[in-house]
Amino acid sequence: MKKEVFDLWTKVPGMCEEVPVITAYIPDEKKSDAAIVIYPGGGYSHRASHEGEGYAEFLCDKGITAFVVSYRVAPHRHPLPLADARRGIQFVRYHADKYGIKKDKIAVMGSSAGGHLAASASTYFDALDLDIEADDISAESYIPNAQILCYPVIMLYGKGKGHIGSGKNLLAENLSDLGEELSPNNIVNENTPQAFIWHTFEDGVVNVVNTLEYAKALKNAGKDCEVHIYPHGRHGLGICAPEDKLTTHVRQWADSLVTWLKYIDYIEK
């Protein structure tokens, strides 16, 4: 596996001192002309490495090129994380030839709040109120072709269902005004791509209802969706350590993902 790190922007929008980066993970034995753009979870307060680099290394082992986006988190607010997420997709499309990637085979992947960001990139297509430079990268489409969501935050607002912590970190005082509008289950549309989602019923941090409501919205919009819900397992498991007997059953989600990627022709069969 080879790693390459790039600045995501030449001119960072949003008057921000932080320069987001994107890291390419290139497999030694490539078996795919697709790419997966990963947004780690962390409640929009930090980025969990096992849900970024951990996933990228797993995908590289399967022969698929992955990119981890170090998007901005609190104290930075919406729309900065989404701007970074979109830029990651555009960056990969722009460099598709370099990495042997087809521009119509770019999936987004995220866990927890990163799942919210991936789902937002798959549903929220309005222009952002930011001064974004017009360069060759920004000319590429920012709409993904598939979405992979791991125990995702979907609803930012709503007692007992929404993940208020993520909502507050993303929207601060605007949570009550924008929380519903920026909950992806409310904005699935004709351009929303196919999805793979997994969750556990036991998740005590992000209610499994988030996944169920999003899957319902996808169903109602006629979008393809594969969902795996396991009875037990804490929040934030990621790939799951194979030696942990408690998560052995849940760990099969990763194999199911590979099977799905083959089914949609993102990995050689």
Protein backbone atom coordinates (compact mmCIF):
# COMPACT_ATOMS: atom_id res chain seq x y z
CA MET A 1 0.00 0.00 0.00
CA LYS A 2 1.17 3.50 -0.86
CA LYS A 3 0.00 6.73 0.81
CA GLU A 4 -0.11 10.22 -0.68
CA VAL A 5 -1.25 13.36 1.18
CA PHE A 6 -2.53 16.52 -0.50
CA ASP A 7 -3.99 19.84 0.58
CA LEU A 8 -7.69 19.72 -0.23
CA TRP A 9 -7.84 23.39 -1.24
CA THR A 10 -5.43 25.91 -2.71
CA LYS A 11 -7.59 28.66 -1.24
CA VAL A 12 -9.48 27.40 1.82
CA PRO A 13 -13.05 28.79 1.90
CA GLY A 14 -14.56 30.05 5.11
CA MET A 15 -11.81 32.29 6.53
CA CYS A 16 -10.16 29.37 8.29
CA GLU A 17 -6.59 28.85 9.43
CA GLU A 18 -6.92 25.06 9.17
CA VAL A 19 -5.96 23.49 5.85
CA PRO A 20 -7.98 20.28 5.30
CA VAL A 21 -6.11 17.44 3.62
CA ILE A 22 -7.02 14.34 1.65
CA THR A 23 -4.96 11.15 1.92
CA ALA A 24 -4.88 8.62 -0.90
CA TYR A 25 -4.41 4.94 -0.02
CA ILE A 26 -3.29 3.08 -3.12
CA PRO A 27 -3.37 -0.74 -3.11
CA ASP A 28 -0.35 -2.77 -4.16
CA GLU A 29 -2.61 -5.07 -6.17
CA LYS A 30 -5.43 -3.04 -7.68
CA LYS A 31 -8.67 -4.96 -8.31
CA SER A 32 -11.07 -2.09 -8.84
CA ASP A 33 -11.66 0.90 -11.09
CA ALA A 34 -13.74 2.50 -8.32
CA ALA A 35 -12.76 4.71 -5.38
CA ILE A 36 -14.19 5.26 -1.92
CA VAL A 37 -14.00 8.67 -0.26
CA ILE A 38 -14.05 8.27 3.52
CA TYR A 39 -15.23 10.69 6.21
CA PRO A 40 -14.26 9.49 9.71
CA GLY A 41 -16.77 9.82 12.55
CA GLY A 42 -16.33 11.80 15.74
CA GLY A 43 -19.51 13.76 16.47
CA TYR A 44 -18.29 16.71 14.38
CA SER A 45 -15.82 17.41 17.20
CA HIS A 46 -12.91 15.21 16.06
CA ARG A 47 -12.06 12.53 13.48
CA ALA A 48 -11.60 8.92 14.63
CA SER A 49 -8.61 7.32 12.89
CA HIS A 50 -10.01 3.77 13.02
CA GLU A 51 -12.97 5.00 10.94
CA GLY A 52 -10.64 6.68 8.47
CA GLU A 53 -7.27 5.05 8.04
CA GLY A 54 -8.64 1.78 9.45
CA TYR A 55 -11.25 1.56 6.68
CA ALA A 56 -8.81 2.72 4.00
CA GLU A 57 -6.31 -0.01 4.88
CA PHE A 58 -9.06 -2.64 4.81
CA LEU A 59 -10.23 -1.47 1.39
CA CYS A 60 -6.67 -1.40 0.05
CA ASP A 61 -6.28 -5.03 1.12
CA LYS A 62 -9.27 -5.76 -1.11
CA GLY A 63 -7.68 -3.94 -4.05
CA ILE A 64 -9.74 -0.74 -3.98
CA THR A 65 -8.32 2.79 -3.85
CA ALA A 66 -9.51 4.85 -0.88
CA PHE A 67 -9.23 8.50 0.09
CA VAL A 68 -9.64 9.84 3.64
CA VAL A 69 -10.83 13.44 3.95
CA SER A 70 -9.73 15.38 7.03
CA TYR A 71 -12.78 17.63 6.93
CA ARG A 72 -13.20 20.51 9.38
CA VAL A 73 -14.98 19.95 12.71
CA ALA A 74 -16.06 22.16 15.63
CA PRO A 75 -15.54 24.99 16.27
CA HIS A 76 -16.04 25.14 12.49
CA ARG A 77 -19.71 24.92 11.55
CA HIS A 78 -21.92 24.10 8.59
CA PRO A 79 -21.37 24.47 5.68
CA LEU A 80 -17.58 23.99 6.06
CA PRO A 81 -17.63 20.19 6.66
CA LEU A 82 -19.91 19.68 3.66
CA ALA A 83 -17.74 21.93 1.51
CA ASP A 84 -14.73 19.77 2.40
CA ALA A 85 -16.72 16.58 1.75
CA ARG A 86 -17.78 17.78 -1.69
CA ARG A 87 -14.24 18.89 -2.50
CA GLY A 88 -12.99 15.40 -1.66
CA ILE A 89 -15.33 13.89 -4.26
CA GLN A 90 -14.33 16.49 -6.83
CA PHE A 91 -10.63 15.95 -6.08
CA VAL A 92 -10.93 12.22 -6.75
CA ARG A 93 -12.90 12.78 -9.96
CA TYR A 94 -10.34 15.30 -11.19
CA HIS A 95 -7.49 12.87 -10.56
CA ALA A 96 -9.40 9.80 -11.78
CA ASP A 97 -7.03 9.04 -14.65
CA LYS A 98 -4.00 9.22 -12.38
CA TYR A 99 -5.43 6.53 -10.08
CA GLY A 100 -7.14 4.42 -12.74
CA ILE A 101 -10.61 5.32 -11.46
CA LYS A 102 -13.86 5.69 -13.38
CA LYS A 103 -15.57 8.98 -12.61
CA ASP A 104 -18.95 7.25 -12.32
CA LYS A 105 -17.68 4.80 -9.69
CA ILE A 106 -17.01 7.05 -6.72
CA ALA A 107 -18.61 6.13 -3.39
CA VAL A 108 -18.64 8.03 -0.13
CA MET A 109 -18.27 6.27 3.22
CA GLY A 110 -18.78 7.52 6.76
CA SER A 111 -19.38 6.35 10.31
CA SER A 112 -21.53 8.04 12.94
CA ALA A 113 -21.26 11.80 12.27
CA GLY A 114 -19.10 10.91 9.27
CA GLY A 115 -22.11 8.90 8.12
CA HIS A 116 -24.20 12.04 8.40
CA LEU A 117 -21.65 13.86 6.26
CA ALA A 118 -21.61 11.07 3.65
CA ALA A 119 -25.42 11.01 3.60
CA SER A 120 -25.49 14.82 3.34
CA ALA A 121 -23.13 14.66 0.37
CA SER A 122 -25.61 12.17 -1.12
CA THR A 123 -28.74 14.26 -0.56
CA TYR A 124 -27.99 17.97 -0.04
CA PHE A 125 -27.07 19.56 -3.35
CA ASP A 126 -27.93 23.22 -2.79
CA ALA A 127 -25.26 25.85 -3.35
CA LEU A 128 -23.26 26.67 -0.23
CA ASP A 129 -22.92 30.21 1.06
CA LEU A 130 -19.15 30.26 0.67
CA ASP A 131 -16.60 31.93 -1.55
CA ILE A 132 -15.30 28.83 -3.31
CA GLU A 133 -12.64 29.40 -5.93
CA ALA A 134 -13.44 28.38 -9.48
CA ASP A 135 -10.67 26.01 -10.47
CA ASP A 136 -10.45 22.80 -12.51
CA ILE A 137 -11.28 20.64 -9.48
CA SER A 138 -14.42 22.62 -8.62
CA ALA A 139 -15.67 22.07 -12.18
CA GLU A 140 -16.15 18.36 -11.38
CA SER A 141 -19.45 17.02 -10.04
CA TYR A 142 -19.67 16.63 -6.24
CA ILE A 143 -22.51 14.09 -6.33
CA PRO A 144 -21.34 10.56 -5.41
CA ASN A 145 -22.39 7.38 -7.18
CA ALA A 146 -22.85 5.26 -4.04
CA GLN A 147 -22.92 5.70 -0.28
CA ILE A 148 -21.68 3.45 2.52
CA LEU A 149 -22.97 4.36 5.98
CA CYS A 150 -21.81 2.77 9.23
CA TYR A 151 -24.06 3.34 12.28
CA PRO A 152 -24.82 6.79 10.83
CA VAL A 153 -26.17 9.90 12.45
CA ILE A 154 -29.06 10.86 10.18
CA MET A 155 -31.38 12.96 12.32
CA LEU A 156 -29.78 15.95 13.98
CA TYR A 157 -32.89 17.07 15.78
CA GLY A 158 -35.66 15.21 17.57
CA LYS A 159 -36.06 13.84 21.07
CA GLY A 160 -34.87 10.25 21.47
CA LYS A 161 -33.88 9.90 17.81
CA GLY A 162 -31.64 12.72 16.70
CA HIS A 163 -28.02 12.87 17.79
CA ILE A 164 -28.13 16.30 19.44
CA GLY A 165 -24.39 16.34 20.18
CA SER A 166 -23.47 16.11 16.51
CA GLY A 167 -26.18 18.63 15.70
CA LYS A 168 -24.86 21.16 18.18
CA ASN A 169 -21.27 20.76 17.00
CA LEU A 170 -22.33 21.19 13.38
CA LEU A 171 -24.97 23.91 13.75
CA ALA A 172 -24.53 25.49 17.23
CA GLU A 173 -27.29 28.06 17.79
CA ASN A 174 -28.83 27.22 14.40
CA LEU A 175 -29.72 23.63 15.38
CA SER A 176 -33.43 24.29 15.91
CA ASP A 177 -33.66 26.24 12.65
CA LEU A 178 -31.63 23.96 10.38
CA GLY A 179 -31.69 20.58 12.12
CA GLU A 180 -34.63 19.20 10.16
CA GLU A 181 -33.46 20.66 6.84
CA LEU A 182 -30.02 19.08 7.22
CA SER A 183 -31.25 15.65 8.28
CA PRO A 184 -30.72 13.49 5.16
CA ASN A 185 -33.86 11.38 5.68
CA ASN A 186 -35.85 14.53 4.93
CA ILE A 187 -34.05 15.43 1.69
CA VAL A 188 -33.56 12.20 -0.28
CA ASN A 189 -34.15 13.07 -3.93
CA GLU A 190 -33.85 11.79 -7.48
CA ASN A 191 -30.06 12.25 -7.50
CA THR A 192 -29.43 10.37 -4.25
CA PRO A 193 -27.26 7.29 -4.99
CA GLN A 194 -27.59 3.64 -3.97
CA ALA A 195 -26.65 2.77 -0.41
CA PHE A 196 -25.13 0.15 1.89
CA ILE A 197 -25.89 0.70 5.58
CA TRP A 198 -25.16 -1.18 8.79
CA HIS A 199 -26.02 -0.57 12.43
CA THR A 200 -26.71 -2.44 15.68
CA PHE A 201 -29.92 -2.50 17.68
CA GLU A 202 -27.84 -2.15 20.84
CA ASP A 203 -26.17 1.11 19.79
CA GLY A 204 -26.61 3.39 22.79
CA VAL A 205 -25.13 6.51 21.20
CA VAL A 206 -26.83 6.76 17.80
CA ASN A 207 -30.30 5.21 17.82
CA VAL A 208 -30.79 2.55 15.12
CA VAL A 209 -33.95 4.47 14.18
CA ASN A 210 -31.60 6.79 12.27
CA THR A 211 -30.76 3.97 9.86
CA LEU A 212 -34.36 2.75 9.67
CA GLU A 213 -35.71 6.21 8.84
CA TYR A 214 -33.09 6.78 6.16
CA ALA A 215 -33.70 3.38 4.61
CA LYS A 216 -37.42 4.15 4.60
CA ALA A 217 -36.78 7.44 2.81
CA LEU A 218 -34.60 5.68 0.24
CA LYS A 219 -37.31 3.07 -0.29
CA ASN A 220 -39.96 5.73 -0.79
CA ALA A 221 -37.73 7.43 -3.37
CA GLY A 222 -37.16 4.17 -5.23
CA LYS A 223 -33.45 4.01 -4.41
CA ASP A 224 -31.52 0.76 -4.02
CA CYS A 225 -30.46 0.11 -0.44
CA GLU A 226 -28.88 -2.84 1.37
CA VAL A 227 -29.21 -2.73 5.16
CA HIS A 228 -27.58 -4.96 7.82
CA ILE A 229 -28.70 -4.60 11.42
CA TYR A 230 -27.02 -6.71 14.09
CA PRO A 231 -28.56 -7.40 17.52
CA HIS A 232 -25.55 -6.52 19.66
CA GLY A 233 -22.51 -4.26 19.51
CA ARG A 234 -21.57 -0.88 20.89
CA HIS A 235 -21.32 2.33 18.92
CA GLY A 236 -18.13 3.11 17.04
CA LEU A 237 -16.95 -0.43 16.31
CA GLY A 238 -15.42 0.25 12.92
CA ILE A 239 -13.98 -2.90 11.33
CA CYS A 240 -14.05 -4.65 14.75
CA ALA A 241 -11.04 -6.46 16.16
CA PRO A 242 -11.24 -10.19 15.25
CA GLU A 243 -9.99 -11.26 18.67
CA ASP A 244 -12.90 -9.52 20.41
CA LYS A 245 -15.49 -12.30 20.80
CA LEU A 246 -18.22 -9.77 21.55
CA THR A 247 -17.90 -8.27 18.06
CA THR A 248 -17.16 -11.41 16.04
CA HIS A 249 -20.73 -11.57 14.71
CA VAL A 250 -20.83 -7.87 13.82
CA ARG A 251 -17.51 -8.05 11.99
CA GLN A 252 -19.18 -9.82 9.10
CA TRP A 253 -20.45 -6.41 7.96
CA ALA A 254 -17.08 -5.81 6.29
CA ASP A 255 -17.35 -9.01 4.26
CA SER A 256 -20.92 -8.08 3.35
CA LEU A 257 -19.65 -4.71 2.14
CA VAL A 258 -17.12 -6.41 -0.14
CA THR A 259 -19.88 -8.67 -1.48
CA TRP A 260 -22.04 -5.61 -2.17
CA LEU A 261 -19.17 -3.79 -3.89
CA LYS A 262 -18.78 -6.82 -6.17
CA TYR A 263 -22.55 -6.87 -6.76
CA ILE A 264 -22.53 -3.26 -7.98
CA ASP A 265 -19.36 -3.90 -10.04
CA TYR A 266 -17.02 -1.81 -7.90
CA ILE A 267 -14.66 -4.76 -7.29
CA GLU A 268 -13.67 -7.49 -9.71
CA LYS A 269 -15.75 -10.64 -9.18
